[in-house]
Amino acid sequence: MNRMHPQTLLFILVGAVPLVVAGAGVVAFMFMRSGYGILVWAVVPFLASLLIVAALAFVLSRAARAGRGQDERGSSEGRRGGRDGV
């Protein structure tokens, strides 16, 4: 199968986080220029960026685990094999 390496998914996350933060900065600036209060233009984009990054990290971590799941299960069960290494 064509699986992505966990490091590739990590690089996707590392590349996406600055874009999300930059987007939150643009939104905060637009809110500020529109005349909203400090709670709206400072807190809302910050919380939204935290939620977006957390959701992206969750999805990418699930994808990384799903790609490794079969390989690790098969190799670790074979190593244990019911014996204690004696």
C-alpha atoms as a PDB file:
ATOM      1  CA  MET A   1       0.000   0.000   0.000  1.00  0.00           C
ATOM      2  CA  ASN A   2       0.989   3.587  -0.467  1.00  0.00           C
ATOM      3  CA  ARG A   3       1.334   4.878   3.099  1.00  0.00           C
ATOM      4  CA  MET A   4       2.763   8.162   4.252  1.00  0.00           C
ATOM      5  CA  HIS A   5       5.546   8.153   6.785  1.00  0.00           C
ATOM      6  CA  PRO A   6       4.785   9.702  10.195  1.00  0.00           C
ATOM      7  CA  GLN A   7       7.593  12.202   9.614  1.00  0.00           C
ATOM      8  CA  THR A   8       5.843  13.443   6.476  1.00  0.00           C
ATOM      9  CA  LEU A   9       2.692  14.054   8.483  1.00  0.00           C
ATOM     10  CA  LEU A  10       4.752  15.890  11.099  1.00  0.00           C
ATOM     11  CA  PHE A  11       6.211  18.151   8.411  1.00  0.00           C
ATOM     12  CA  ILE A  12       2.681  18.855   7.161  1.00  0.00           C
ATOM     13  CA  LEU A  13       1.716  19.922  10.679  1.00  0.00           C
ATOM     14  CA  VAL A  14       4.843  22.052  11.110  1.00  0.00           C
ATOM     15  CA  GLY A  15       4.127  23.758   7.794  1.00  0.00           C
ATOM     16  CA  ALA A  16       0.429  24.292   8.455  1.00  0.00           C
ATOM     17  CA  VAL A  17       0.758  25.839  11.921  1.00  0.00           C
ATOM     18  CA  PRO A  18       2.415  29.090  10.728  1.00  0.00           C
ATOM     19  CA  LEU A  19      -0.242  29.442   8.036  1.00  0.00           C
ATOM     20  CA  VAL A  20      -3.021  29.066  10.605  1.00  0.00           C
ATOM     21  CA  VAL A  21      -1.353  31.573  12.919  1.00  0.00           C
ATOM     22  CA  ALA A  22      -0.872  34.036  10.049  1.00  0.00           C
ATOM     23  CA  GLY A  23      -4.522  33.628   9.116  1.00  0.00           C
ATOM     24  CA  ALA A  24      -5.514  34.303  12.710  1.00  0.00           C
ATOM     25  CA  GLY A  25      -3.393  37.464  12.651  1.00  0.00           C
ATOM     26  CA  VAL A  26      -5.127  38.684   9.492  1.00  0.00           C
ATOM     27  CA  VAL A  27      -8.546  37.969  10.991  1.00  0.00           C
ATOM     28  CA  ALA A  28      -7.574  39.752  14.215  1.00  0.00           C
ATOM     29  CA  PHE A  29      -6.434  42.788  12.241  1.00  0.00           C
ATOM     30  CA  MET A  30      -9.687  42.817  10.265  1.00  0.00           C
ATOM     31  CA  PHE A  31     -11.734  42.562  13.462  1.00  0.00           C
ATOM     32  CA  MET A  32      -9.731  45.396  15.006  1.00  0.00           C
ATOM     33  CA  ARG A  33     -10.180  47.629  11.955  1.00  0.00           C
ATOM     34  CA  SER A  34     -13.910  46.859  11.915  1.00  0.00           C
ATOM     35  CA  GLY A  35     -14.276  48.330  15.379  1.00  0.00           C
ATOM     36  CA  TYR A  36     -14.825  45.239  17.494  1.00  0.00           C
ATOM     37  CA  GLY A  37     -13.663  45.246  21.101  1.00  0.00           C
ATOM     38  CA  ILE A  38     -10.387  43.786  22.311  1.00  0.00           C
ATOM     39  CA  LEU A  39     -12.063  40.598  23.519  1.00  0.00           C
ATOM     40  CA  VAL A  40     -13.280  39.867  20.004  1.00  0.00           C
ATOM     41  CA  TRP A  41     -10.241  40.801  17.943  1.00  0.00           C
ATOM     42  CA  ALA A  42      -7.695  39.371  20.394  1.00  0.00           C
ATOM     43  CA  VAL A  43      -9.341  36.314  21.916  1.00  0.00           C
ATOM     44  CA  VAL A  44     -11.552  34.866  19.166  1.00  0.00           C
ATOM     45  CA  PRO A  45      -8.842  34.427  16.495  1.00  0.00           C
ATOM     46  CA  PHE A  46      -6.438  33.054  19.107  1.00  0.00           C
ATOM     47  CA  LEU A  47      -8.926  30.442  20.330  1.00  0.00           C
ATOM     48  CA  ALA A  48      -9.955  29.582  16.777  1.00  0.00           C
ATOM     49  CA  SER A  49      -6.323  29.027  15.771  1.00  0.00           C
ATOM     50  CA  LEU A  50      -5.768  26.817  18.820  1.00  0.00           C
ATOM     51  CA  LEU A  51      -8.791  24.712  17.921  1.00  0.00           C
ATOM     52  CA  ILE A  52      -7.782  24.412  14.268  1.00  0.00           C
ATOM     53  CA  VAL A  53      -4.220  23.373  15.128  1.00  0.00           C
ATOM     54  CA  ALA A  54      -5.448  20.884  17.749  1.00  0.00           C
ATOM     55  CA  ALA A  55      -7.908  19.343  15.281  1.00  0.00           C
ATOM     56  CA  LEU A  56      -5.238  19.137  12.577  1.00  0.00           C
ATOM     57  CA  ALA A  57      -2.779  17.538  15.002  1.00  0.00           C
ATOM     58  CA  PHE A  58      -5.412  15.008  16.067  1.00  0.00           C
ATOM     59  CA  VAL A  59      -6.234  14.061  12.475  1.00  0.00           C
ATOM     60  CA  LEU A  60      -2.590  13.752  11.477  1.00  0.00           C
ATOM     61  CA  SER A  61      -1.726  11.711  14.580  1.00  0.00           C
ATOM     62  CA  ARG A  62      -4.581   9.316  13.794  1.00  0.00           C
ATOM     63  CA  ALA A  63      -3.309   9.012  10.230  1.00  0.00           C
ATOM     64  CA  ALA A  64       0.223   8.315  11.479  1.00  0.00           C
ATOM     65  CA  ARG A  65      -1.023   5.645  13.890  1.00  0.00           C
ATOM     66  CA  ALA A  66      -3.226   4.029  11.254  1.00  0.00           C
ATOM     67  CA  GLY A  67      -0.269   3.723   8.898  1.00  0.00           C
ATOM     68  CA  ARG A  68       1.925   2.039  11.507  1.00  0.00           C
ATOM     69  CA  GLY A  69      -0.742  -0.080  13.184  1.00  0.00           C
ATOM     70  CA  GLN A  70      -0.423  -3.290  11.152  1.00  0.00           C
ATOM     71  CA  ASP A  71       3.373  -3.322  11.017  1.00  0.00           C
ATOM     72  CA  GLU A  72       3.896  -2.773  14.740  1.00  0.00           C
ATOM     73  CA  ARG A  73       1.231  -5.240  15.814  1.00  0.00           C
ATOM     74  CA  GLY A  74       2.628  -8.014  13.675  1.00  0.00           C
ATOM     75  CA  SER A  75       6.248  -7.488  14.655  1.00  0.00           C
ATOM     76  CA  SER A  76       5.633  -6.959  18.384  1.00  0.00           C
ATOM     77  CA  GLU A  77       3.410 -10.035  18.723  1.00  0.00           C
ATOM     78  CA  GLY A  78       6.012 -12.119  16.949  1.00  0.00           C
ATOM     79  CA  ARG A  79       8.712 -10.931  19.325  1.00  0.00           C
ATOM     80  CA  ARG A  80       6.741 -11.634  22.471  1.00  0.00           C
ATOM     81  CA  GLY A  81       5.465 -14.991  21.277  1.00  0.00           C
ATOM     82  CA  GLY A  82       4.460 -16.200  24.747  1.00  0.00           C
ATOM     83  CA  ARG A  83       8.008 -16.595  26.007  1.00  0.00           C
ATOM     84  CA  ASP A  84       9.784 -14.363  28.470  1.00  0.00           C
ATOM     85  CA  GLY A  85      13.057 -14.277  26.536  1.00  0.00           C
ATOM     86  CA  VAL A  86      14.513 -17.233  28.429  1.00  0.00           C
END
